[in-house]
Amino acid sequence: MKPKTEVVKTDGAKTNKKALVARSVGAVIAGAAIGYVAGALTAPASGRETRRRISQRVEEEAKGMARKAKRSLATAKGEAKDLGRKAKKSLTRATDKLADKLHS
């Protein structure tokens, strides 16, 4: 029996809930980055200092996103392995039942 994927309707289209969350998180990150850059550009600092701050912040965010991506990948790998084990177990059970029926 397949687990049901929860679906959310938005603007008349069906969307996977995880995809919707991912897009929302992406939008928040993009908004935060735009806000930070806008604030940094309007702050009373020299152009060189402002560029250094922006560069430093972008590097920090990139490292944070890389860490999150690695965690997500590790989680996905674990879930895939678990799903594979469950599928193998189900297939073995089904094969055993079929063999029993054929031999009885």
Foldseek 3Di string as FASTA:
>chain_A
DDDDFDWDDDPNDTDGPVVVVVVVVVVVVVVVLVVVLVVLVPDPDDPVVSVVVNVVVVVVVVVVVVVVVVVVVVVVVVVVVVVVVVVVVVVVVVVVVVVVVVVD
